[in-house]
Amino acid sequence: MLIRLGCELTLSCWAPTPVLALVHPHGSRLEDRRGPERLRLSPDRIAEVLTDADGNRACRFVASTGSTTLGFEVVVADHGLPDPVAPEVGECPVGSLPIVTYHYLNPSRYCDTDRLAQVAWGRFGGVRPGWSRVQAICDWVHEQLRFDYGAARSDKTAHDALREGRGVCRDFAHLAISLCRCLNIPARYCTGYLGYTGTTPLPEPIDYSAWFEAFLEDRWHVFDPRHNRPRIGRVLIARGRDAADVPFLRSFGDHQLTGFRVITEEVARPDSRSL
């Protein structure tokens, strides 16, 4: 299947302001592109795409004084299958983890594990280690939190989300990540494009989505406590410890977001008979 991805972001700045925007598909999806990546800035200005050590691709530019609009679009190919489910997978003992995963056991800006350790061990310490335990965490988070756009705020931690009982997709991910880390399961935050392919569309406009990956046995596995079921057409943009590492827009100066639109839609493949 083919998916058209993109966005249109408008920001207002009081002075010329350096900006990093995470809107390009992750480096792991470069081979899936089916055509050029189209990036436009208005007013017209120079932009460059930089890739970090984790494969995250950031667009860097200087926003002008006043209003600047960033537009991005690309078509990618996807296998069209739901997220893999592997209930037989176990955990990797903490003493045998790859060195690069220990980073994802630490507390981070939004994942305040010190305040959730008792909850984690009390509720999930007795659950069979591995996929079953992580899925039990996702089930519980999905039940505890109510999705509510009005509950979003920039300083909300995983513990805050649990206490308030509501949040947006990143709050679901932060809470599940925190509980996994408390149980010595490396977990990392993911942000990306996820539309309504294979599911009933909702009245709300499409937004950037958040989920997480847990390291089990010898590899990373996708989990999504917000939707809590395998989804089709998930396209990664970036990974980090939590949302603080990978905001879709980071300005090095004051800005106000005045326009926001995300595009994620399946498109028909060209009919070879018409060529």
Protein backbone atom coordinates (compact mmCIF):
# COMPACT_ATOMS: atom_id res chain seq x y z
CA MET A 1 0.00 0.00 0.00
CA LEU A 2 0.99 3.64 -0.51
CA ILE A 3 0.56 6.35 2.11
CA ARG A 4 0.77 10.08 1.53
CA LEU A 5 2.34 11.78 4.53
CA GLY A 6 2.86 15.41 5.28
CA CYS A 7 2.06 18.50 7.25
CA GLU A 8 1.58 22.24 7.12
CA LEU A 9 2.84 24.14 10.15
CA THR A 10 2.65 27.90 10.60
CA LEU A 11 4.53 29.68 13.36
CA SER A 12 4.81 33.31 14.33
CA CYS A 13 8.08 34.71 15.73
CA TRP A 14 9.03 38.11 17.12
CA ALA A 15 12.51 37.91 15.56
CA PRO A 16 14.44 35.58 13.22
CA THR A 17 14.48 32.26 15.11
CA PRO A 18 16.39 29.01 14.49
CA VAL A 19 14.03 26.01 14.31
CA LEU A 20 14.35 22.22 14.20
CA ALA A 21 11.29 20.42 12.81
CA LEU A 22 10.78 16.65 12.98
CA VAL A 23 8.44 15.95 10.08
CA HIS A 24 10.50 13.67 7.79
CA PRO A 25 10.10 9.88 8.05
CA HIS A 26 12.81 8.17 10.08
CA GLY A 27 16.01 7.06 8.41
CA SER A 28 14.85 3.44 8.60
CA ARG A 29 12.06 4.28 6.10
CA LEU A 30 14.21 5.94 3.43
CA GLU A 31 13.97 2.94 1.10
CA ASP A 32 10.18 3.09 1.32
CA ARG A 33 9.92 6.51 -0.32
CA ARG A 34 8.08 6.45 -3.64
CA GLY A 35 9.01 9.81 -5.02
CA PRO A 36 10.77 12.94 -3.80
CA GLU A 37 10.30 14.53 -0.40
CA ARG A 38 8.75 17.94 -1.06
CA LEU A 39 9.66 20.60 1.48
CA ARG A 40 8.61 24.20 1.15
CA LEU A 41 9.02 27.27 3.34
CA SER A 42 7.12 30.52 3.02
CA PRO A 43 8.69 33.06 3.00
CA ASP A 44 11.25 31.16 0.94
CA ARG A 45 14.44 30.41 2.86
CA ILE A 46 17.24 27.86 3.10
CA ALA A 47 16.54 24.60 4.91
CA GLU A 48 18.65 21.50 5.49
CA VAL A 49 17.79 18.00 6.69
CA LEU A 50 20.16 16.58 9.30
CA THR A 51 20.24 12.98 10.59
CA ASP A 52 21.34 12.19 14.14
CA ALA A 53 22.93 9.01 15.51
CA ASP A 54 19.48 7.46 16.10
CA GLY A 55 18.30 7.97 12.53
CA ASN A 56 16.02 10.89 13.41
CA ARG A 57 15.92 13.41 10.55
CA ALA A 58 15.47 17.05 11.56
CA CYS A 59 14.73 19.94 9.22
CA ARG A 60 16.75 23.00 10.27
CA PHE A 61 15.89 26.54 9.18
CA VAL A 62 15.60 30.09 10.48
CA ALA A 63 12.01 31.29 10.78
CA SER A 64 11.50 34.88 9.71
CA THR A 65 10.13 37.70 11.82
CA GLY A 66 6.36 37.39 11.59
CA SER A 67 4.72 34.32 10.06
CA THR A 68 6.55 31.31 8.55
CA THR A 69 4.84 28.26 7.03
CA LEU A 70 6.54 24.89 6.61
CA GLY A 71 4.96 22.40 4.24
CA PHE A 72 6.12 18.82 3.75
CA GLU A 73 4.86 15.87 1.71
CA VAL A 74 6.07 12.45 0.61
CA VAL A 75 4.55 9.14 -0.50
CA VAL A 76 5.88 5.99 1.17
CA ALA A 77 5.22 2.32 0.62
CA ASP A 78 4.04 0.17 3.52
CA HIS A 79 3.51 -3.58 3.79
CA GLY A 80 -0.10 -2.95 4.84
CA LEU A 81 0.04 -5.45 7.70
CA PRO A 82 -0.96 -4.77 11.32
CA ASP A 83 1.74 -4.32 13.97
CA PRO A 84 3.37 -7.70 14.76
CA VAL A 85 2.16 -9.53 17.87
CA ALA A 86 4.52 -12.02 19.56
CA PRO A 87 3.00 -13.24 22.84
CA GLU A 88 5.60 -16.00 23.21
CA VAL A 89 8.50 -13.54 23.46
CA GLY A 90 10.21 -13.32 26.85
CA GLU A 91 12.39 -10.71 28.53
CA CYS A 92 16.11 -10.22 28.36
CA PRO A 93 17.65 -10.40 31.87
CA VAL A 94 18.84 -6.98 32.94
CA GLY A 95 22.37 -8.34 33.40
CA SER A 96 22.48 -9.46 29.76
CA LEU A 97 21.01 -6.41 28.03
CA PRO A 98 22.93 -4.80 25.14
CA ILE A 99 24.82 -1.80 26.47
CA VAL A 100 22.89 0.62 24.23
CA THR A 101 19.58 -0.27 25.90
CA TYR A 102 20.50 0.71 29.48
CA HIS A 103 19.95 4.33 28.49
CA TYR A 104 16.25 3.48 28.21
CA LEU A 105 15.97 2.24 31.79
CA ASN A 106 16.72 5.66 33.26
CA PRO A 107 14.16 8.24 34.35
CA SER A 108 13.71 11.13 31.93
CA ARG A 109 11.91 14.46 31.69
CA TYR A 110 8.40 13.02 31.42
CA CYS A 111 9.03 9.49 32.68
CA ASP A 112 9.31 9.92 36.46
CA THR A 113 9.97 6.29 37.34
CA ASP A 114 10.80 7.03 40.98
CA ARG A 115 7.16 7.95 41.58
CA LEU A 116 5.78 4.87 39.81
CA ALA A 117 8.01 2.00 40.98
CA GLN A 118 5.60 0.88 43.69
CA VAL A 119 2.70 0.82 41.23
CA ALA A 120 4.76 -1.07 38.66
CA TRP A 121 5.95 -3.84 40.96
CA GLY A 122 2.67 -4.06 42.86
CA ARG A 123 0.53 -4.51 39.75
CA PHE A 124 2.86 -6.20 37.25
CA GLY A 125 5.66 -7.80 39.23
CA GLY A 126 3.78 -11.10 39.28
CA VAL A 127 2.83 -11.10 35.59
CA ARG A 128 4.72 -13.51 33.31
CA PRO A 129 7.85 -11.69 32.08
CA GLY A 130 8.03 -10.72 28.45
CA TRP A 131 5.36 -9.74 25.97
CA SER A 132 2.58 -10.69 28.38
CA ARG A 133 3.85 -8.27 31.02
CA VAL A 134 4.26 -5.35 28.61
CA GLN A 135 0.83 -6.00 27.11
CA ALA A 136 -0.67 -6.12 30.61
CA ILE A 137 0.87 -2.69 31.22
CA CYS A 138 -0.66 -1.38 27.98
CA ASP A 139 -4.07 -2.84 28.88
CA TRP A 140 -3.97 -1.17 32.28
CA VAL A 141 -2.79 2.21 30.96
CA HIS A 142 -5.50 2.10 28.29
CA GLU A 143 -8.10 1.55 31.00
CA GLN A 144 -6.74 4.13 33.44
CA LEU A 145 -6.44 7.08 31.05
CA ARG A 146 -9.17 8.79 29.05
CA PHE A 147 -8.05 10.38 25.81
CA ASP A 148 -8.68 14.12 26.01
CA TYR A 149 -7.06 16.80 23.84
CA GLY A 150 -7.95 19.34 26.50
CA ALA A 151 -5.72 17.53 29.01
CA ALA A 152 -2.51 18.16 27.08
CA ARG A 153 0.12 20.38 28.64
CA SER A 154 3.86 20.77 28.24
CA ASP A 155 4.86 19.92 31.83
CA LYS A 156 2.75 16.78 32.30
CA THR A 157 4.66 13.73 33.53
CA ALA A 158 3.65 10.08 33.52
CA HIS A 159 2.73 10.26 37.21
CA ASP A 160 0.63 13.39 36.55
CA ALA A 161 -1.26 11.59 33.80
CA LEU A 162 -2.05 8.67 36.09
CA ARG A 163 -3.19 10.97 38.87
CA GLU A 164 -5.42 13.00 36.54
CA GLY A 165 -6.74 9.97 34.65
CA ARG A 166 -6.64 11.61 31.23
CA GLY A 167 -4.23 12.74 28.56
CA VAL A 168 -3.20 12.55 24.92
CA CYS A 169 -1.28 9.81 23.12
CA ARG A 170 2.09 10.91 24.45
CA ASP A 171 0.80 10.64 28.03
CA PHE A 172 -0.32 7.06 27.40
CA ALA A 173 3.14 6.30 26.02
CA HIS A 174 4.98 8.05 28.87
CA LEU A 175 3.06 6.13 31.52
CA ALA A 176 3.62 2.74 29.87
CA ILE A 177 7.31 3.52 29.27
CA SER A 178 7.77 4.49 32.91
CA LEU A 179 6.17 1.30 34.20
CA CYS A 180 8.33 -0.81 31.86
CA ARG A 181 11.50 0.92 33.01
CA CYS A 182 10.56 0.35 36.64
CA LEU A 183 10.46 -3.38 35.83
CA ASN A 184 13.89 -3.32 34.11
CA ILE A 185 12.41 -3.45 30.62
CA PRO A 186 14.10 -0.90 28.31
CA ALA A 187 11.46 1.28 26.68
CA ARG A 188 11.79 4.19 24.26
CA TYR A 189 9.35 6.82 23.01
CA CYS A 190 8.30 6.96 19.35
CA THR A 191 6.52 9.64 17.37
CA GLY A 192 5.24 9.39 13.84
CA TYR A 193 2.42 9.34 11.35
CA LEU A 194 -0.61 7.11 11.97
CA GLY A 195 -3.84 7.67 10.09
CA TYR A 196 -7.13 5.79 9.99
CA THR A 197 -6.07 3.00 7.61
CA GLY A 198 -7.87 -0.20 8.58
CA THR A 199 -10.00 1.46 11.24
CA THR A 200 -13.06 3.70 11.52
CA PRO A 201 -12.16 7.38 11.05
CA LEU A 202 -12.83 9.67 13.99
CA PRO A 203 -14.21 13.21 13.70
CA GLU A 204 -11.03 14.72 15.13
CA PRO A 205 -8.37 15.84 12.61
CA ILE A 206 -5.27 13.67 12.29
CA ASP A 207 -2.42 14.61 14.61
CA TYR A 208 1.07 13.28 15.10
CA SER A 209 0.89 10.04 17.04
CA ALA A 210 2.96 8.61 19.89
CA TRP A 211 3.65 5.00 20.85
CA PHE A 212 6.65 3.15 22.31
CA GLU A 213 9.02 0.26 21.78
CA ALA A 214 10.05 -2.24 24.45
CA PHE A 215 13.21 -4.33 24.26
CA LEU A 216 12.30 -8.00 24.72
CA GLU A 217 14.70 -10.94 24.25
CA ASP A 218 16.91 -9.61 21.44
CA ARG A 219 15.02 -6.81 19.71
CA TRP A 220 12.63 -3.86 19.99
CA HIS A 221 8.86 -4.41 19.72
CA VAL A 222 6.09 -1.88 19.05
CA PHE A 223 3.35 -1.26 21.63
CA ASP A 224 0.59 1.36 21.55
CA PRO A 225 -1.33 1.85 24.82
CA ARG A 226 -3.40 4.68 23.35
CA HIS A 227 -5.13 2.50 20.72
CA ASN A 228 -4.16 -0.82 22.34
CA ARG A 229 -4.57 -2.91 19.23
CA PRO A 230 -2.39 -3.63 16.19
CA ARG A 231 -2.62 -0.82 13.63
CA ILE A 232 -1.84 -0.55 9.93
CA GLY A 233 0.28 2.14 8.31
CA ARG A 234 2.43 3.28 11.23
CA VAL A 235 5.33 5.41 9.92
CA LEU A 236 8.04 6.36 12.39
CA ILE A 237 9.47 9.88 12.50
CA ALA A 238 11.73 9.77 15.56
CA ARG A 239 12.72 7.89 18.71
CA GLY A 240 13.95 9.21 22.05
CA ARG A 241 13.78 8.79 25.81
CA ASP A 242 10.47 10.67 25.87
CA ALA A 243 8.71 13.52 24.07
CA ALA A 244 11.26 16.06 25.31
CA ASP A 245 13.87 14.45 23.03
CA VAL A 246 11.76 14.50 19.86
CA PRO A 247 9.26 17.39 19.70
CA PHE A 248 7.88 17.94 16.21
CA LEU A 249 8.84 21.62 16.50
CA ARG A 250 11.71 23.04 18.56
CA SER A 251 12.51 26.74 18.32
CA PHE A 252 15.49 28.46 19.87
CA GLY A 253 13.50 31.55 20.76
CA ASP A 254 9.86 32.45 21.34
CA HIS A 255 7.27 31.30 18.82
CA GLN A 256 3.52 30.76 18.60
CA LEU A 257 2.06 27.92 16.56
CA THR A 258 -0.78 29.48 14.56
CA GLY A 259 -1.44 26.76 11.99
CA PHE A 260 -1.26 22.98 12.27
CA ARG A 261 -2.34 20.27 9.83
CA VAL A 262 -1.09 16.69 9.51
CA ILE A 263 -1.73 14.49 6.47
CA THR A 264 -1.75 10.70 6.64
CA GLU A 265 -3.85 8.98 3.99
CA GLU A 266 -3.75 5.90 1.81
CA VAL A 267 -3.46 6.57 -1.91
CA ALA A 268 -4.21 4.31 -4.84
CA ARG A 269 -1.32 2.69 -6.66
CA PRO A 270 -0.90 3.77 -10.29
CA ASP A 271 -2.71 1.46 -12.70
CA SER A 272 0.00 -0.10 -14.85
CA ARG A 273 -2.56 -0.66 -17.62
CA SER A 274 -2.85 3.09 -18.09
CA LEU A 275 0.92 3.55 -18.61
